[in-house]
Amino acid sequence: MATRFAAVFAATIVFGQLVASRAATLSARGPIFTSKRKRASLLRKRWDYGEASTESQTEWAIVMRRYMMVDSELNDLEIHLSRALDNPVQGSAIGGVDPFEAASLRGKVEKVSDHLLAASDDQRVNNRTFNDMVHDRKLNSTQRQALEIVHQQQVTTSNRLDAFGQAAVTDAKAVLKELNRASAVQRLQLLRRSSSGTGTHHEATNLPASQTMGQLRTRLSKDIEAFRALRQAPTATNA
C-alpha cells in the first residue's frame, strides 16, 4: 500500500512539473498569442473615424520604427566601412580588409536586409488593418476618402524607403565584394614577393582600381542619404 501511494505521489509530482513547464513556455510566448488575439480583435472591431484615424497612425508608427532601425544599421555600416578602407574619401583599399572585419560588415548588411523584410511585413499588417477599417459602415464617404489619402501616402513612402534601402544593400554587397578582391590581390602580391625574394612581381599584379571602389562608395552614400532624407521628412513622419 505504501509503495502504491509513493508511486502515485511521484506521478503527481512529475505531472505537476510538466504542467508548470508548459505554463512557463506559454507565458514566455505570451506576446505572440497576445498579438494574434489583438489582430483578431481588430478584424472584428467596428470603427468610427476617430478610432480608425488613431489606429492608422499607430500602425504607421510601427512601420517607421522599423525603418528607423534600418537607418541606424546603415549608419553603423558606413562607419565601419570607413574604418575598413585605407582611404575613406576616395574609397581606395589597396590593402584589402581584415577577414574578421569583413565578416562583421557582411553581418551588418544582413541586419539591414532583415529589418527591411520586417518593415515590409509590418506594412502588410498596416494594409490589412486599413482594408478592414475603411469598409466599416460607421464611416461616411468623406471619412473613408480621408483615411484612403493618408494610407496611400504611407504606402508610397514605405515603398520608396524599401527601394532606397534595397539599393543600399545591393551597393554595400558590391563594396564588400571589391574589398574581398583587394584582399586577395594583396595576398597574391605578398606570396609572389616572398617566393621571389624581390619586388619584381609587384608591377605585374592587377591591383584593384580605386576609381571603381570610389564609384561604389559614392553610390552607396547617395542611397543612404536618400533613405535618411525621406525617413526624416515631415511627409513620412506625419503620414
Protein backbone atom coordinates (compact mmCIF):
# COMPACT_ATOMS: atom_id res chain seq x y z
CA MET A 1 0.00 0.00 0.00
CA ALA A 2 2.78 2.37 0.94
CA THR A 3 4.60 1.51 -2.29
CA ARG A 4 1.49 2.23 -4.35
CA PHE A 5 0.94 5.53 -2.54
CA ALA A 6 4.56 6.54 -3.18
CA ALA A 7 4.20 5.73 -6.89
CA VAL A 8 1.00 7.81 -7.19
CA PHE A 9 2.63 10.65 -5.28
CA ALA A 10 5.69 10.58 -7.57
CA ALA A 11 3.50 10.55 -10.68
CA THR A 12 1.58 13.55 -9.35
CA ILE A 13 4.82 15.46 -8.78
CA VAL A 14 6.03 14.68 -12.32
CA PHE A 15 2.68 15.73 -13.81
CA GLY A 16 2.80 18.96 -11.83
CA GLN A 17 6.27 19.68 -13.14
CA LEU A 18 5.14 19.09 -16.70
CA VAL A 19 2.19 21.45 -16.27
CA ALA A 20 4.42 24.11 -14.72
CA SER A 21 6.93 23.74 -17.54
CA ARG A 22 4.20 24.08 -20.17
CA ALA A 23 2.75 27.11 -18.42
CA ALA A 24 6.17 28.76 -18.34
CA THR A 25 6.57 28.12 -22.07
CA LEU A 26 3.19 29.63 -22.86
CA SER A 27 3.98 32.58 -20.62
CA ALA A 28 7.25 33.19 -22.45
CA ARG A 29 5.38 33.08 -25.75
CA GLY A 30 2.65 35.32 -24.40
CA PRO A 31 3.35 38.34 -26.64
CA ILE A 32 2.92 36.19 -29.75
CA PHE A 33 -0.52 34.95 -28.74
CA THR A 34 -1.48 38.37 -27.44
CA SER A 35 -0.55 39.84 -30.80
CA LYS A 36 -2.70 37.27 -32.61
CA ARG A 37 -5.63 37.91 -30.31
CA LYS A 38 -5.24 41.63 -30.82
CA ARG A 39 -5.18 41.16 -34.60
CA ALA A 40 -8.33 39.03 -34.47
CA SER A 41 -9.94 41.62 -32.20
CA LEU A 42 -9.09 44.40 -34.66
CA LEU A 43 -10.66 42.43 -37.52
CA ARG A 44 -13.93 42.10 -35.57
CA LYS A 45 -13.93 45.68 -34.31
CA ARG A 46 -16.34 48.34 -35.50
CA TRP A 47 -14.60 51.60 -36.37
CA ASP A 48 -15.65 55.21 -36.12
CA TYR A 49 -13.47 57.86 -37.78
CA GLY A 50 -11.58 58.87 -34.63
CA GLU A 51 -10.65 55.30 -33.75
CA ALA A 52 -9.72 54.44 -37.32
CA SER A 53 -7.53 57.52 -37.66
CA THR A 54 -5.74 56.76 -34.38
CA GLU A 55 -5.18 53.12 -35.33
CA SER A 56 -3.80 54.19 -38.72
CA GLN A 57 -1.24 56.41 -37.01
CA THR A 58 -0.33 53.62 -34.58
CA GLU A 59 0.25 51.11 -37.37
CA TRP A 60 2.34 53.63 -39.30
CA ALA A 61 4.45 54.38 -36.25
CA ILE A 62 5.30 50.67 -36.05
CA VAL A 63 6.41 50.67 -39.70
CA MET A 64 8.50 53.82 -39.25
CA ARG A 65 10.12 52.46 -36.10
CA ARG A 66 11.36 49.54 -38.19
CA TYR A 67 12.75 51.89 -40.84
CA MET A 68 14.47 53.85 -38.08
CA MET A 69 16.28 50.61 -37.19
CA VAL A 70 17.30 50.28 -40.85
CA ASP A 71 18.67 53.83 -40.72
CA SER A 72 20.64 53.05 -37.58
CA GLU A 73 22.20 49.94 -39.12
CA LEU A 74 23.08 51.82 -42.32
CA ASN A 75 24.81 54.50 -40.27
CA ASP A 76 26.77 51.83 -38.38
CA LEU A 77 27.66 50.17 -41.67
CA GLU A 78 29.02 53.45 -43.07
CA ILE A 79 31.20 53.99 -40.02
CA HIS A 80 32.69 50.50 -40.16
CA LEU A 81 33.24 50.69 -43.91
CA SER A 82 35.16 53.92 -43.47
CA ARG A 83 37.37 52.25 -40.87
CA ALA A 84 37.97 49.27 -43.12
CA LEU A 85 39.05 51.37 -46.09
CA ASP A 86 42.57 52.80 -46.24
CA ASN A 87 41.27 55.97 -47.82
CA PRO A 88 37.61 56.59 -46.90
CA VAL A 89 37.37 59.72 -49.04
CA GLN A 90 38.43 58.05 -52.30
CA GLY A 91 37.31 54.57 -51.34
CA SER A 92 40.75 53.12 -52.01
CA ALA A 93 41.53 49.79 -50.37
CA ILE A 94 44.77 48.53 -51.86
CA GLY A 95 45.49 46.60 -48.71
CA GLY A 96 42.08 44.91 -48.60
CA VAL A 97 40.27 44.30 -45.35
CA ASP A 98 40.79 42.12 -42.31
CA PRO A 99 38.77 38.84 -42.61
CA PHE A 100 37.12 39.38 -39.22
CA GLU A 101 36.15 42.93 -40.17
CA ALA A 102 34.80 41.66 -43.50
CA ALA A 103 32.65 39.11 -41.66
CA SER A 104 31.37 41.85 -39.35
CA LEU A 105 30.48 44.04 -42.33
CA ARG A 106 28.60 41.20 -44.01
CA GLY A 107 26.67 40.69 -40.79
CA LYS A 108 25.67 44.35 -40.74
CA VAL A 109 24.44 44.18 -44.32
CA GLU A 110 22.35 41.13 -43.43
CA LYS A 111 20.87 43.03 -40.49
CA VAL A 112 19.78 45.81 -42.82
CA SER A 113 18.15 43.20 -45.09
CA ASP A 114 16.36 41.61 -42.13
CA HIS A 115 14.98 44.96 -40.94
CA LEU A 116 13.79 45.83 -44.45
CA LEU A 117 11.98 42.49 -44.67
CA ALA A 118 10.38 43.08 -41.26
CA ALA A 119 9.32 46.59 -42.33
CA SER A 120 7.58 45.11 -45.37
CA ASP A 121 5.77 42.64 -43.12
CA ASP A 122 4.68 45.49 -40.82
CA GLN A 123 3.39 47.42 -43.82
CA ARG A 124 1.34 44.42 -44.94
CA VAL A 125 -0.25 44.31 -41.48
CA ASN A 126 -0.95 48.04 -41.83
CA ASN A 127 -2.62 47.38 -45.20
CA ARG A 128 -4.83 44.62 -43.81
CA THR A 129 -5.94 46.77 -40.89
CA PHE A 130 -6.73 49.66 -43.22
CA ASN A 131 -8.77 47.45 -45.56
CA ASP A 132 -10.81 46.27 -42.58
CA MET A 133 -11.37 49.78 -41.24
CA VAL A 134 -12.20 51.60 -44.46
CA HIS A 135 -15.16 49.33 -45.23
CA ASP A 136 -16.83 49.86 -41.87
CA ARG A 137 -20.42 51.05 -42.27
CA LYS A 138 -19.98 53.59 -39.48
CA LEU A 139 -17.75 55.67 -41.78
CA ASN A 140 -19.19 58.03 -44.34
CA SER A 141 -17.69 58.61 -47.79
CA THR A 142 -15.79 61.75 -46.72
CA GLN A 143 -14.18 59.92 -43.79
CA ARG A 144 -13.27 56.95 -45.98
CA GLN A 145 -11.65 59.25 -48.51
CA ALA A 146 -9.61 60.98 -45.78
CA LEU A 147 -8.35 57.63 -44.49
CA GLU A 148 -7.53 56.48 -48.03
CA ILE A 149 -5.45 59.60 -48.73
CA VAL A 150 -3.39 59.12 -45.56
CA HIS A 151 -2.92 55.41 -46.17
CA GLN A 152 -1.83 55.93 -49.76
CA GLN A 153 0.83 58.35 -48.52
CA GLN A 154 2.01 55.69 -46.10
CA VAL A 155 2.18 53.02 -48.82
CA THR A 156 4.07 55.30 -51.20
CA THR A 157 6.57 56.33 -48.53
CA SER A 158 7.07 52.74 -47.39
CA ASN A 159 7.69 51.56 -50.96
CA ARG A 160 10.22 54.33 -51.59
CA LEU A 161 12.03 53.66 -48.31
CA ASP A 162 12.22 49.98 -49.17
CA ALA A 163 13.59 50.78 -52.64
CA PHE A 164 16.33 53.06 -51.25
CA GLY A 165 17.16 50.51 -48.56
CA GLN A 166 17.39 47.62 -51.02
CA ALA A 167 19.60 49.72 -53.31
CA ALA A 168 21.90 50.44 -50.36
CA VAL A 169 22.11 46.73 -49.57
CA THR A 170 22.99 45.93 -53.19
CA ASP A 171 25.71 48.59 -53.30
CA ALA A 172 27.08 47.58 -49.90
CA LYS A 173 27.45 44.00 -51.12
CA ALA A 174 29.28 45.29 -54.21
CA VAL A 175 31.66 47.28 -51.99
CA LEU A 176 32.38 44.20 -49.88
CA LYS A 177 32.97 42.13 -52.99
CA GLU A 178 35.53 44.68 -54.18
CA LEU A 179 37.16 44.70 -50.76
CA ASN A 180 37.45 40.93 -50.84
CA ARG A 181 39.05 41.13 -54.28
CA ALA A 182 41.54 43.69 -52.98
CA SER A 183 42.42 41.39 -50.09
CA ALA A 184 43.00 38.50 -52.48
CA VAL A 185 45.25 40.69 -54.65
CA GLN A 186 47.28 41.76 -51.65
CA ARG A 187 47.76 38.16 -50.53
CA LEU A 188 48.89 37.25 -54.03
CA GLN A 189 51.38 40.12 -54.01
CA LEU A 190 52.85 39.05 -50.69
CA LEU A 191 53.10 35.44 -51.83
CA ARG A 192 54.92 36.39 -55.02
CA ARG A 193 57.29 38.71 -53.20
CA SER A 194 58.02 36.07 -50.60
CA SER A 195 58.69 33.43 -53.29
CA SER A 196 60.97 35.61 -55.40
CA GLY A 197 62.70 37.48 -52.63
CA THR A 198 62.37 40.67 -54.70
CA GLY A 199 59.71 43.16 -55.69
CA THR A 200 59.82 42.29 -59.39
CA HIS A 201 56.31 40.88 -59.42
CA HIS A 202 54.70 43.89 -57.80
CA GLU A 203 54.09 45.78 -61.05
CA ALA A 204 52.64 42.73 -62.76
CA THR A 205 49.94 42.31 -60.13
CA ASN A 206 46.48 43.50 -61.17
CA LEU A 207 45.64 45.96 -58.40
CA PRO A 208 42.01 46.90 -57.72
CA ALA A 209 41.02 50.19 -59.31
CA SER A 210 40.34 52.87 -56.70
CA GLN A 211 38.00 54.55 -59.19
CA THR A 212 35.71 51.50 -59.14
CA MET A 213 35.66 51.44 -55.36
CA GLY A 214 35.12 55.19 -55.26
CA GLN A 215 32.12 54.90 -57.56
CA LEU A 216 30.62 52.14 -55.44
CA ARG A 217 31.11 54.13 -52.25
CA THR A 218 29.57 57.24 -53.81
CA ARG A 219 26.54 55.30 -54.99
CA LEU A 220 26.11 53.67 -51.59
CA SER A 221 26.36 57.03 -49.83
CA LYS A 222 23.74 58.53 -52.14
CA ASP A 223 21.33 55.66 -51.46
CA ILE A 224 21.78 56.04 -47.71
CA GLU A 225 21.36 59.82 -47.89
CA ALA A 226 18.17 59.43 -49.95
CA PHE A 227 16.81 56.87 -47.49
CA ARG A 228 17.62 59.07 -44.49
CA ALA A 229 16.20 62.24 -46.05
CA LEU A 230 12.91 60.51 -46.84
CA ARG A 231 12.65 58.85 -43.43
CA GLN A 232 13.14 62.17 -41.68
CA ALA A 233 10.85 64.14 -44.00
CA PRO A 234 7.63 65.54 -42.47
CA THR A 235 5.59 63.73 -45.12
CA ALA A 236 6.91 60.43 -43.76
CA THR A 237 6.77 61.12 -40.03
CA ASN A 238 3.31 62.75 -40.24
CA ALA A 239 1.72 60.43 -42.80
